[in-house]
Amino acid sequence: MRFIILVFLVLVPGVAFAENFLVNSNKLFNFAEKTYPEFFSPASTATYSLNNYLVRYYPNTGNYIGTSGEDVYIYGDVFNGLLKAGVISNFIELEPDSDELLGKH
């Protein structure tokens, strides 16, 4: 039983981080679709995982947007291939970590 609890405690921060990473990436992708529809349409395409990236592909424009950690990348002919656009917090307000939320109660 102790082993199960130990494994749970070790894995939970990683799960929370992964969920937070997905939430912030999707928030960024939604922002990009709304702000730059000429590059990222149609809106609300599926987010998928590719190696260490979360990515959305926009078939109407042939462009991609993706995140790896905090880094934001865009890809397409209009961008001359792959371009690092900055970090997620340059574009949106990050969602707080679940650990921080638990500490505030």
N, C-alpha and C. Protein backbone atom coordinates (compact mmCIF):
# COMPACT_ATOMS: atom_id res chain seq x y z
N MET A 1 0.82 -1.19 0.00
CA MET A 1 0.00 0.00 0.00
C MET A 1 0.86 1.26 0.00
N ARG A 2 1.95 1.26 0.77
CA ARG A 2 2.84 2.43 0.79
C ARG A 2 3.41 2.71 -0.59
N PHE A 3 3.74 1.62 -1.30
CA PHE A 3 4.30 1.78 -2.63
C PHE A 3 3.31 2.48 -3.56
N ILE A 4 2.04 2.11 -3.49
CA ILE A 4 1.00 2.72 -4.32
C ILE A 4 0.87 4.20 -4.00
N ILE A 5 0.88 4.54 -2.72
CA ILE A 5 0.78 5.95 -2.32
C ILE A 5 2.00 6.71 -2.81
N LEU A 6 3.18 6.15 -2.68
CA LEU A 6 4.41 6.80 -3.14
C LEU A 6 4.35 7.03 -4.65
N VAL A 7 3.94 6.03 -5.40
CA VAL A 7 3.84 6.18 -6.85
C VAL A 7 2.84 7.27 -7.18
N PHE A 8 1.71 7.30 -6.51
CA PHE A 8 0.69 8.33 -6.74
C PHE A 8 1.27 9.72 -6.49
N LEU A 9 1.98 9.90 -5.38
CA LEU A 9 2.54 11.21 -5.04
C LEU A 9 3.61 11.64 -6.04
N VAL A 10 4.33 10.71 -6.58
CA VAL A 10 5.36 11.03 -7.57
C VAL A 10 4.72 11.40 -8.90
N LEU A 11 3.66 10.69 -9.29
CA LEU A 11 3.05 10.91 -10.60
C LEU A 11 2.08 12.07 -10.65
N VAL A 12 1.44 12.42 -9.58
CA VAL A 12 0.43 13.48 -9.60
C VAL A 12 0.99 14.82 -10.07
N PRO A 13 2.14 15.30 -9.59
CA PRO A 13 2.63 16.56 -10.13
C PRO A 13 2.85 16.51 -11.64
N GLY A 14 3.33 15.40 -12.17
CA GLY A 14 3.51 15.28 -13.61
C GLY A 14 2.20 15.31 -14.36
N VAL A 15 1.18 14.68 -13.80
CA VAL A 15 -0.14 14.71 -14.43
C VAL A 15 -0.70 16.11 -14.39
N ALA A 16 -0.58 16.80 -13.26
CA ALA A 16 -1.07 18.17 -13.15
C ALA A 16 -0.34 19.07 -14.13
N PHE A 17 0.98 18.90 -14.26
CA PHE A 17 1.74 19.70 -15.21
C PHE A 17 1.28 19.43 -16.63
N ALA A 18 1.07 18.17 -16.97
CA ALA A 18 0.64 17.82 -18.32
C ALA A 18 -0.73 18.41 -18.63
N GLU A 19 -1.65 18.33 -17.66
CA GLU A 19 -2.98 18.89 -17.86
C GLU A 19 -2.89 20.40 -18.01
N ASN A 20 -2.06 21.07 -17.19
CA ASN A 20 -1.91 22.52 -17.27
C ASN A 20 -1.29 22.91 -18.61
N PHE A 21 -0.33 22.13 -19.08
CA PHE A 21 0.31 22.36 -20.37
C PHE A 21 -0.73 22.29 -21.48
N LEU A 22 -1.62 21.31 -21.43
CA LEU A 22 -2.67 21.17 -22.42
C LEU A 22 -3.65 22.34 -22.34
N VAL A 23 -4.04 22.72 -21.15
CA VAL A 23 -4.98 23.83 -20.97
C VAL A 23 -4.40 25.11 -21.54
N ASN A 24 -3.15 25.44 -21.20
CA ASN A 24 -2.53 26.67 -21.69
C ASN A 24 -2.30 26.62 -23.19
N SER A 25 -1.92 25.46 -23.72
CA SER A 25 -1.73 25.34 -25.17
C SER A 25 -3.04 25.54 -25.90
N ASN A 26 -4.10 24.91 -25.44
CA ASN A 26 -5.40 25.08 -26.09
C ASN A 26 -5.89 26.52 -25.99
N LYS A 27 -5.65 27.16 -24.87
CA LYS A 27 -6.02 28.57 -24.71
C LYS A 27 -5.26 29.43 -25.72
N LEU A 28 -3.98 29.15 -25.90
CA LEU A 28 -3.17 29.86 -26.89
C LEU A 28 -3.69 29.61 -28.31
N PHE A 29 -3.96 28.35 -28.63
CA PHE A 29 -4.45 28.01 -29.97
C PHE A 29 -5.77 28.73 -30.26
N ASN A 30 -6.67 28.76 -29.28
CA ASN A 30 -7.95 29.44 -29.45
C ASN A 30 -7.74 30.94 -29.67
N PHE A 31 -6.80 31.53 -28.92
CA PHE A 31 -6.45 32.94 -29.09
C PHE A 31 -5.93 33.20 -30.51
N ALA A 32 -5.04 32.34 -30.99
CA ALA A 32 -4.47 32.51 -32.33
C ALA A 32 -5.56 32.42 -33.41
N GLU A 33 -6.48 31.47 -33.25
CA GLU A 33 -7.57 31.31 -34.22
C GLU A 33 -8.45 32.55 -34.27
N LYS A 34 -8.74 33.10 -33.12
CA LYS A 34 -9.62 34.27 -33.05
C LYS A 34 -8.91 35.54 -33.55
N THR A 35 -7.64 35.68 -33.20
CA THR A 35 -6.89 36.89 -33.52
C THR A 35 -6.33 36.89 -34.94
N TYR A 36 -5.96 35.72 -35.44
CA TYR A 36 -5.32 35.61 -36.75
C TYR A 36 -6.00 34.56 -37.62
N PRO A 37 -7.29 34.72 -37.91
CA PRO A 37 -8.00 33.68 -38.68
C PRO A 37 -7.45 33.51 -40.10
N GLU A 38 -6.76 34.52 -40.61
CA GLU A 38 -6.16 34.39 -41.94
C GLU A 38 -5.02 33.37 -41.96
N PHE A 39 -4.48 33.05 -40.80
CA PHE A 39 -3.40 32.06 -40.70
C PHE A 39 -3.87 30.73 -40.09
N PHE A 40 -4.86 30.80 -39.19
CA PHE A 40 -5.25 29.62 -38.42
C PHE A 40 -6.75 29.35 -38.53
N SER A 41 -7.13 28.75 -39.66
CA SER A 41 -8.54 28.39 -39.85
C SER A 41 -8.64 27.07 -40.58
N PRO A 42 -9.68 26.31 -40.32
CA PRO A 42 -10.84 26.67 -39.52
C PRO A 42 -10.53 26.59 -38.03
N ALA A 43 -11.30 27.34 -37.27
CA ALA A 43 -11.12 27.34 -35.81
C ALA A 43 -11.53 26.00 -35.22
N SER A 44 -10.99 25.73 -34.04
CA SER A 44 -11.36 24.56 -33.24
C SER A 44 -11.00 23.22 -33.89
N THR A 45 -9.89 23.18 -34.60
CA THR A 45 -9.42 21.88 -35.07
C THR A 45 -8.88 21.11 -33.87
N ALA A 46 -8.67 19.84 -34.04
CA ALA A 46 -8.23 18.99 -32.94
C ALA A 46 -6.78 19.29 -32.55
N THR A 47 -6.51 19.21 -31.27
CA THR A 47 -5.15 19.30 -30.75
C THR A 47 -4.62 17.89 -30.61
N TYR A 48 -3.41 17.67 -31.09
CA TYR A 48 -2.82 16.34 -30.95
C TYR A 48 -1.38 16.46 -30.49
N SER A 49 -0.88 15.36 -29.97
CA SER A 49 0.48 15.29 -29.45
C SER A 49 1.40 14.72 -30.52
N LEU A 50 2.53 15.37 -30.72
CA LEU A 50 3.52 14.93 -31.69
C LEU A 50 4.89 15.08 -31.04
N ASN A 51 5.47 13.95 -30.66
CA ASN A 51 6.73 13.95 -29.89
C ASN A 51 6.55 14.79 -28.64
N ASN A 52 7.31 15.86 -28.48
CA ASN A 52 7.21 16.71 -27.28
C ASN A 52 6.37 17.95 -27.54
N TYR A 53 5.55 17.93 -28.57
CA TYR A 53 4.76 19.09 -28.95
C TYR A 53 3.28 18.81 -28.83
N LEU A 54 2.50 19.85 -28.54
CA LEU A 54 1.06 19.84 -28.74
C LEU A 54 0.82 20.71 -29.98
N VAL A 55 0.03 20.20 -30.92
CA VAL A 55 -0.06 20.82 -32.23
C VAL A 55 -1.50 20.89 -32.71
N ARG A 56 -1.80 21.94 -33.45
CA ARG A 56 -3.03 22.02 -34.24
C ARG A 56 -2.64 22.32 -35.69
N TYR A 57 -3.33 21.64 -36.61
CA TYR A 57 -3.13 21.85 -38.05
C TYR A 57 -4.37 22.51 -38.61
N TYR A 58 -4.19 23.47 -39.49
CA TYR A 58 -5.28 24.22 -40.09
C TYR A 58 -5.30 23.97 -41.60
N PRO A 59 -6.16 23.06 -42.05
CA PRO A 59 -6.16 22.66 -43.45
C PRO A 59 -6.54 23.77 -44.42
N ASN A 60 -7.34 24.75 -44.00
CA ASN A 60 -7.72 25.83 -44.92
C ASN A 60 -6.54 26.71 -45.29
N THR A 61 -5.57 26.83 -44.37
CA THR A 61 -4.42 27.69 -44.62
C THR A 61 -3.12 26.91 -44.78
N GLY A 62 -3.14 25.63 -44.42
CA GLY A 62 -1.93 24.81 -44.51
C GLY A 62 -0.91 25.12 -43.44
N ASN A 63 -1.32 25.78 -42.37
CA ASN A 63 -0.40 26.16 -41.30
C ASN A 63 -0.60 25.30 -40.06
N TYR A 64 0.45 25.30 -39.23
CA TYR A 64 0.44 24.61 -37.95
C TYR A 64 0.79 25.63 -36.87
N ILE A 65 0.30 25.37 -35.66
CA ILE A 65 0.77 26.07 -34.47
C ILE A 65 1.01 25.00 -33.42
N GLY A 66 2.09 25.15 -32.67
CA GLY A 66 2.41 24.14 -31.67
C GLY A 66 3.15 24.72 -30.50
N THR A 67 3.15 23.95 -29.43
CA THR A 67 3.89 24.34 -28.23
C THR A 67 4.76 23.18 -27.78
N SER A 68 5.89 23.54 -27.23
CA SER A 68 6.78 22.58 -26.59
C SER A 68 7.25 23.24 -25.31
N GLY A 69 6.76 22.74 -24.18
CA GLY A 69 7.01 23.45 -22.94
C GLY A 69 6.31 24.80 -23.03
N GLU A 70 7.02 25.86 -22.76
CA GLU A 70 6.46 27.21 -22.86
C GLU A 70 6.66 27.82 -24.26
N ASP A 71 7.46 27.18 -25.10
CA ASP A 71 7.78 27.74 -26.41
C ASP A 71 6.64 27.54 -27.40
N VAL A 72 6.43 28.56 -28.25
CA VAL A 72 5.39 28.55 -29.28
C VAL A 72 6.07 28.54 -30.64
N TYR A 73 5.62 27.62 -31.50
CA TYR A 73 6.14 27.51 -32.86
C TYR A 73 5.00 27.58 -33.85
N ILE A 74 5.27 28.17 -35.00
CA ILE A 74 4.32 28.17 -36.10
C ILE A 74 5.04 27.64 -37.33
N TYR A 75 4.27 27.00 -38.20
CA TYR A 75 4.88 26.38 -39.37
C TYR A 75 3.94 26.55 -40.56
N GLY A 76 4.52 26.94 -41.68
CA GLY A 76 3.77 27.06 -42.92
C GLY A 76 4.58 27.83 -43.94
N ASP A 77 4.15 27.77 -45.19
CA ASP A 77 4.86 28.49 -46.25
C ASP A 77 4.90 29.98 -45.99
N VAL A 78 3.81 30.54 -45.49
CA VAL A 78 3.75 31.98 -45.22
C VAL A 78 4.77 32.41 -44.17
N PHE A 79 5.21 31.47 -43.33
CA PHE A 79 6.21 31.76 -42.30
C PHE A 79 7.61 31.32 -42.73
N ASN A 80 7.76 30.94 -44.00
CA ASN A 80 9.03 30.42 -44.52
C ASN A 80 9.48 29.19 -43.74
N GLY A 81 8.56 28.30 -43.45
CA GLY A 81 8.88 27.07 -42.72
C GLY A 81 8.60 27.23 -41.24
N LEU A 82 9.48 26.68 -40.42
CA LEU A 82 9.30 26.68 -38.97
C LEU A 82 9.82 27.98 -38.37
N LEU A 83 9.02 28.57 -37.48
CA LEU A 83 9.37 29.83 -36.84
C LEU A 83 9.03 29.76 -35.36
N LYS A 84 9.98 30.09 -34.51
CA LYS A 84 9.68 30.21 -33.07
C LYS A 84 9.06 31.58 -32.87
N ALA A 85 7.82 31.59 -32.36
CA ALA A 85 7.07 32.84 -32.22
C ALA A 85 7.20 33.47 -30.85
N GLY A 86 7.75 32.75 -29.88
CA GLY A 86 7.89 33.27 -28.52
C GLY A 86 7.53 32.22 -27.50
N VAL A 87 7.01 32.69 -26.37
CA VAL A 87 6.54 31.79 -25.32
C VAL A 87 5.05 32.04 -25.09
N ILE A 88 4.39 31.05 -24.54
CA ILE A 88 2.94 31.12 -24.37
C ILE A 88 2.52 32.40 -23.63
N SER A 89 3.25 32.75 -22.59
CA SER A 89 2.86 33.92 -21.77
C SER A 89 3.02 35.24 -22.51
N ASN A 90 3.66 35.25 -23.69
CA ASN A 90 3.70 36.46 -24.52
C ASN A 90 2.33 36.76 -25.12
N PHE A 91 1.47 35.76 -25.19
CA PHE A 91 0.21 35.89 -25.91
C PHE A 91 -1.03 35.80 -25.02
N ILE A 92 -0.96 34.99 -23.97
CA ILE A 92 -2.13 34.78 -23.11
C ILE A 92 -1.70 34.80 -21.65
N GLU A 93 -2.68 34.98 -20.77
CA GLU A 93 -2.42 34.83 -19.35
C GLU A 93 -2.49 33.35 -19.02
N LEU A 94 -1.45 32.83 -18.40
CA LEU A 94 -1.38 31.41 -18.08
C LEU A 94 -2.36 31.05 -16.99
N GLU A 95 -2.91 29.85 -17.09
CA GLU A 95 -3.77 29.33 -16.05
C GLU A 95 -2.89 28.95 -14.86
N PRO A 96 -3.36 29.22 -13.65
CA PRO A 96 -2.55 28.88 -12.48
C PRO A 96 -2.37 27.37 -12.35
N ASP A 97 -1.25 26.98 -11.74
CA ASP A 97 -1.00 25.58 -11.48
C ASP A 97 -2.00 25.05 -10.48
N SER A 98 -2.37 23.80 -10.63
CA SER A 98 -3.34 23.20 -9.70
C SER A 98 -2.77 23.15 -8.30
N ASP A 99 -1.44 23.00 -8.15
CA ASP A 99 -0.83 22.99 -6.82
C ASP A 99 -1.05 24.33 -6.13
N GLU A 100 -0.93 25.44 -6.88
CA GLU A 100 -1.15 26.75 -6.31
C GLU A 100 -2.61 26.90 -5.87
N LEU A 101 -3.53 26.40 -6.67
CA LEU A 101 -4.94 26.47 -6.32
C LEU A 101 -5.23 25.71 -5.03
N LEU A 102 -4.62 24.55 -4.87
CA LEU A 102 -4.84 23.76 -3.66
C LEU A 102 -4.30 24.48 -2.43
N GLY A 103 -3.21 25.19 -2.57
CA GLY A 103 -2.60 25.89 -1.45
C GLY A 103 -3.40 27.10 -0.99
N LYS A 104 -4.29 27.61 -1.83
CA LYS A 104 -5.04 28.82 -1.49
C LYS A 104 -6.31 28.53 -0.69
N HIS A 105 -6.70 27.26 -0.57
CA HIS A 105 -7.94 26.94 0.14
C HIS A 105 -7.69 26.76 1.61
